Each structure stands twice: as structure tokens, then as C-alpha cells.
Amino acid sequence: MLNLQVGQKFIIDLIVVELILESGEKVGQPTKEEIIYKLNMILQGKLSREEVSDWASEYVMQDEPNIADEIVWDFLQVVSGVDIKDSPDEYLHVERDLEDWIKKYSDK
């Protein structure tokens, strides 16, 4: 699905389609850019923290994780906790933390 808003800015929302083999193994691996995109979607209010955490946790919680890139693996582990709450009304990781993660992993 492609959503294109025409105007001074072009905003493109991409939905990544994952293929799943009969064994349950996902074809393709997440990229650093995809993780950064999802964090930006949280900051823009287009994805919830829970959605992104669930997505990252699908990779992190596999019995035999198949992530070749160690930086992506580390990033997925961090992002899988983006929905942890510090109190009933507040998240442990504030927006500044997400921005810091984006910068840190963009530079790697």
C-alpha cells in the first residue's frame, strides 16, 4: 500500500510485507533503516509503541533468531522494550530516548 500526500512535502508510508514459510521462518530480515522508520512513526503518532515492540519482539523472541547483522540484532532488542511502562501512565523511555536511539543507530 502506498499513501502519497501531494503538497510541499511528500509523505510516503510503506507497509513492509513479510513472507512466512511453512516452518514459520520469516523470509527477509529487518534492516536498521526499517527500525528507524518505525521509531519515527511512533514519534509522529502513526504507530503505537506496542505495535513496534510486538514487531521487534517477533524477531527477538524466536527460538533460533536468524538476524545476521549484529547491529540490527542489538537495535531490535532495544526497540522490543519501547513499550515498557514506568508507571500506569508513563513510558520508561521518553521521546528523547527514541530520538537518541535513532541517532545512535543511524551513525553505525
C-alpha atoms as a PDB file:
ATOM      1  CA  MET A   1       0.000   0.000   0.000  1.00  0.00           C
ATOM      2  CA  LEU A   2       1.337   3.418  -0.890  1.00  0.00           C
ATOM      3  CA  ASN A   3      -0.055   6.586   0.607  1.00  0.00           C
ATOM      4  CA  LEU A   4       1.210   9.732  -1.113  1.00  0.00           C
ATOM      5  CA  GLN A   5       0.269  13.187   0.092  1.00  0.00           C
ATOM      6  CA  VAL A   6       0.950  15.846  -2.528  1.00  0.00           C
ATOM      7  CA  GLY A   7       1.905  19.326  -1.416  1.00  0.00           C
ATOM      8  CA  GLN A   8       5.045  20.995  -0.167  1.00  0.00           C
ATOM      9  CA  LYS A   9       6.047  17.718   1.421  1.00  0.00           C
ATOM     10  CA  PHE A  10       5.774  14.258   0.063  1.00  0.00           C
ATOM     11  CA  ILE A  11       4.963  11.704   2.700  1.00  0.00           C
ATOM     12  CA  ILE A  12       5.223   8.115   1.752  1.00  0.00           C
ATOM     13  CA  ASP A  13       4.035   5.399   4.071  1.00  0.00           C
ATOM     14  CA  LEU A  14       5.271   1.971   3.135  1.00  0.00           C
ATOM     15  CA  ILE A  15       3.921  -1.234   4.505  1.00  0.00           C
ATOM     16  CA  VAL A  16       6.536  -3.956   4.560  1.00  0.00           C
ATOM     17  CA  VAL A  17       5.204  -7.344   3.586  1.00  0.00           C
ATOM     18  CA  GLU A  18       6.877 -10.307   5.249  1.00  0.00           C
ATOM     19  CA  LEU A  19       6.728 -13.753   3.735  1.00  0.00           C
ATOM     20  CA  ILE A  20       6.434 -16.598   6.192  1.00  0.00           C
ATOM     21  CA  LEU A  21       7.465 -20.106   5.214  1.00  0.00           C
ATOM     22  CA  GLU A  22       5.502 -23.162   6.328  1.00  0.00           C
ATOM     23  CA  SER A  23       8.120 -23.657   9.046  1.00  0.00           C
ATOM     24  CA  GLY A  24       7.168 -20.249  10.492  1.00  0.00           C
ATOM     25  CA  GLU A  25      10.506 -18.738   9.466  1.00  0.00           C
ATOM     26  CA  LYS A  26      10.308 -15.236   8.040  1.00  0.00           C
ATOM     27  CA  VAL A  27      11.862 -14.558   4.676  1.00  0.00           C
ATOM     28  CA  GLY A  28      13.996 -11.461   4.795  1.00  0.00           C
ATOM     29  CA  GLN A  29      15.449  -9.697   7.751  1.00  0.00           C
ATOM     30  CA  PRO A  30      14.650  -6.293   9.198  1.00  0.00           C
ATOM     31  CA  THR A  31      17.086  -3.522   8.409  1.00  0.00           C
ATOM     32  CA  LYS A  32      18.414  -0.710  10.526  1.00  0.00           C
ATOM     33  CA  GLU A  33      16.532   1.714   8.249  1.00  0.00           C
ATOM     34  CA  GLU A  34      13.264  -0.151   8.788  1.00  0.00           C
ATOM     35  CA  ILE A  35      13.688   0.021  12.569  1.00  0.00           C
ATOM     36  CA  ILE A  36      14.467   3.747  12.390  1.00  0.00           C
ATOM     37  CA  TYR A  37      11.387   4.233  10.201  1.00  0.00           C
ATOM     38  CA  LYS A  38       9.203   2.512  12.788  1.00  0.00           C
ATOM     39  CA  LEU A  39      10.618   4.649  15.621  1.00  0.00           C
ATOM     40  CA  ASN A  40       9.898   7.759  13.568  1.00  0.00           C
ATOM     41  CA  MET A  41       6.330   6.525  13.066  1.00  0.00           C
ATOM     42  CA  ILE A  42       5.973   6.313  16.861  1.00  0.00           C
ATOM     43  CA  LEU A  43       7.263   9.885  17.212  1.00  0.00           C
ATOM     44  CA  GLN A  44       4.779  11.040  14.552  1.00  0.00           C
ATOM     45  CA  GLY A  45       1.901   9.208  16.238  1.00  0.00           C
ATOM     46  CA  LYS A  46       1.373   6.880  13.265  1.00  0.00           C
ATOM     47  CA  LEU A  47       2.330   3.669  15.074  1.00  0.00           C
ATOM     48  CA  SER A  48       1.916   2.792  18.726  1.00  0.00           C
ATOM     49  CA  ARG A  49       4.803   1.751  20.907  1.00  0.00           C
ATOM     50  CA  GLU A  50       3.052  -1.559  21.429  1.00  0.00           C
ATOM     51  CA  GLU A  51       2.843  -2.229  17.684  1.00  0.00           C
ATOM     52  CA  VAL A  52       6.552  -1.604  17.219  1.00  0.00           C
ATOM     53  CA  SER A  53       7.508  -3.548  20.326  1.00  0.00           C
ATOM     54  CA  ASP A  54       5.414  -6.516  19.181  1.00  0.00           C
ATOM     55  CA  TRP A  55       7.027  -6.381  15.724  1.00  0.00           C
ATOM     56  CA  ALA A  56      10.579  -6.297  17.157  1.00  0.00           C
ATOM     57  CA  SER A  57       9.728  -8.979  19.718  1.00  0.00           C
ATOM     58  CA  GLU A  58       8.703 -11.373  16.933  1.00  0.00           C
ATOM     59  CA  TYR A  59      12.369 -11.478  15.962  1.00  0.00           C
ATOM     60  CA  VAL A  60      13.888 -11.249  19.436  1.00  0.00           C
ATOM     61  CA  MET A  61      11.750 -13.995  20.965  1.00  0.00           C
ATOM     62  CA  GLN A  62      12.316 -16.620  18.247  1.00  0.00           C
ATOM     63  CA  ASP A  63      13.760 -19.900  19.479  1.00  0.00           C
ATOM     64  CA  GLU A  64      16.541 -19.579  16.934  1.00  0.00           C
ATOM     65  CA  PRO A  65      16.849 -15.931  15.901  1.00  0.00           C
ATOM     66  CA  ASN A  66      18.122 -15.567  12.372  1.00  0.00           C
ATOM     67  CA  ILE A  67      19.460 -11.998  12.320  1.00  0.00           C
ATOM     68  CA  ALA A  68      22.818 -11.848  10.548  1.00  0.00           C
ATOM     69  CA  ASP A  69      23.611  -8.192  11.277  1.00  0.00           C
ATOM     70  CA  GLU A  70      24.721  -7.760  14.908  1.00  0.00           C
ATOM     71  CA  ILE A  71      23.843  -4.047  14.918  1.00  0.00           C
ATOM     72  CA  VAL A  72      20.298  -4.835  13.756  1.00  0.00           C
ATOM     73  CA  TRP A  73      20.066  -7.588  16.405  1.00  0.00           C
ATOM     74  CA  ASP A  74      21.130  -5.161  19.144  1.00  0.00           C
ATOM     75  CA  PHE A  75      18.738  -2.490  17.844  1.00  0.00           C
ATOM     76  CA  LEU A  76      15.823  -4.959  17.759  1.00  0.00           C
ATOM     77  CA  GLN A  77      16.479  -5.921  21.377  1.00  0.00           C
ATOM     78  CA  VAL A  78      16.407  -2.253  22.413  1.00  0.00           C
ATOM     79  CA  VAL A  79      13.252  -1.485  20.424  1.00  0.00           C
ATOM     80  CA  SER A  80      11.431  -4.558  21.737  1.00  0.00           C
ATOM     81  CA  GLY A  81      11.251  -2.700  25.073  1.00  0.00           C
ATOM     82  CA  VAL A  82       9.910   0.580  23.690  1.00  0.00           C
ATOM     83  CA  ASP A  83       6.511  -0.099  25.291  1.00  0.00           C
ATOM     84  CA  ILE A  84       7.758  -0.724  28.851  1.00  0.00           C
ATOM     85  CA  LYS A  85       5.913   1.476  31.314  1.00  0.00           C
ATOM     86  CA  ASP A  86       7.480   3.243  34.273  1.00  0.00           C
ATOM     87  CA  SER A  87       4.057   3.856  35.794  1.00  0.00           C
ATOM     88  CA  PRO A  88       0.495   3.193  34.652  1.00  0.00           C
ATOM     89  CA  ASP A  89       0.501   6.460  32.673  1.00  0.00           C
ATOM     90  CA  GLU A  90       4.121   6.891  31.594  1.00  0.00           C
ATOM     91  CA  TYR A  91       6.575   5.002  29.452  1.00  0.00           C
ATOM     92  CA  LEU A  92      10.040   4.235  30.770  1.00  0.00           C
ATOM     93  CA  HIS A  93      11.626   5.505  27.545  1.00  0.00           C
ATOM     94  CA  VAL A  94      10.617   9.086  26.714  1.00  0.00           C
ATOM     95  CA  GLU A  95      10.567  10.524  23.194  1.00  0.00           C
ATOM     96  CA  ARG A  96      14.099  11.848  23.672  1.00  0.00           C
ATOM     97  CA  ASP A  97      15.278   8.251  24.212  1.00  0.00           C
ATOM     98  CA  LEU A  98      13.753   7.222  20.878  1.00  0.00           C
ATOM     99  CA  GLU A  99      15.448  10.182  19.179  1.00  0.00           C
ATOM    100  CA  ASP A 100      18.756   9.164  20.793  1.00  0.00           C
ATOM    101  CA  TRP A 101      18.347   5.575  19.556  1.00  0.00           C
ATOM    102  CA  ILE A 102      17.694   6.848  16.039  1.00  0.00           C
ATOM    103  CA  LYS A 103      20.826   8.978  16.131  1.00  0.00           C
ATOM    104  CA  LYS A 104      22.966   6.257  17.705  1.00  0.00           C
ATOM    105  CA  TYR A 105      21.999   3.577  15.227  1.00  0.00           C
ATOM    106  CA  SER A 106      21.996   5.937  12.237  1.00  0.00           C
ATOM    107  CA  ASP A 107      25.672   6.587  12.906  1.00  0.00           C
ATOM    108  CA  LYS A 108      26.597   2.860  12.923  1.00  0.00           C
END
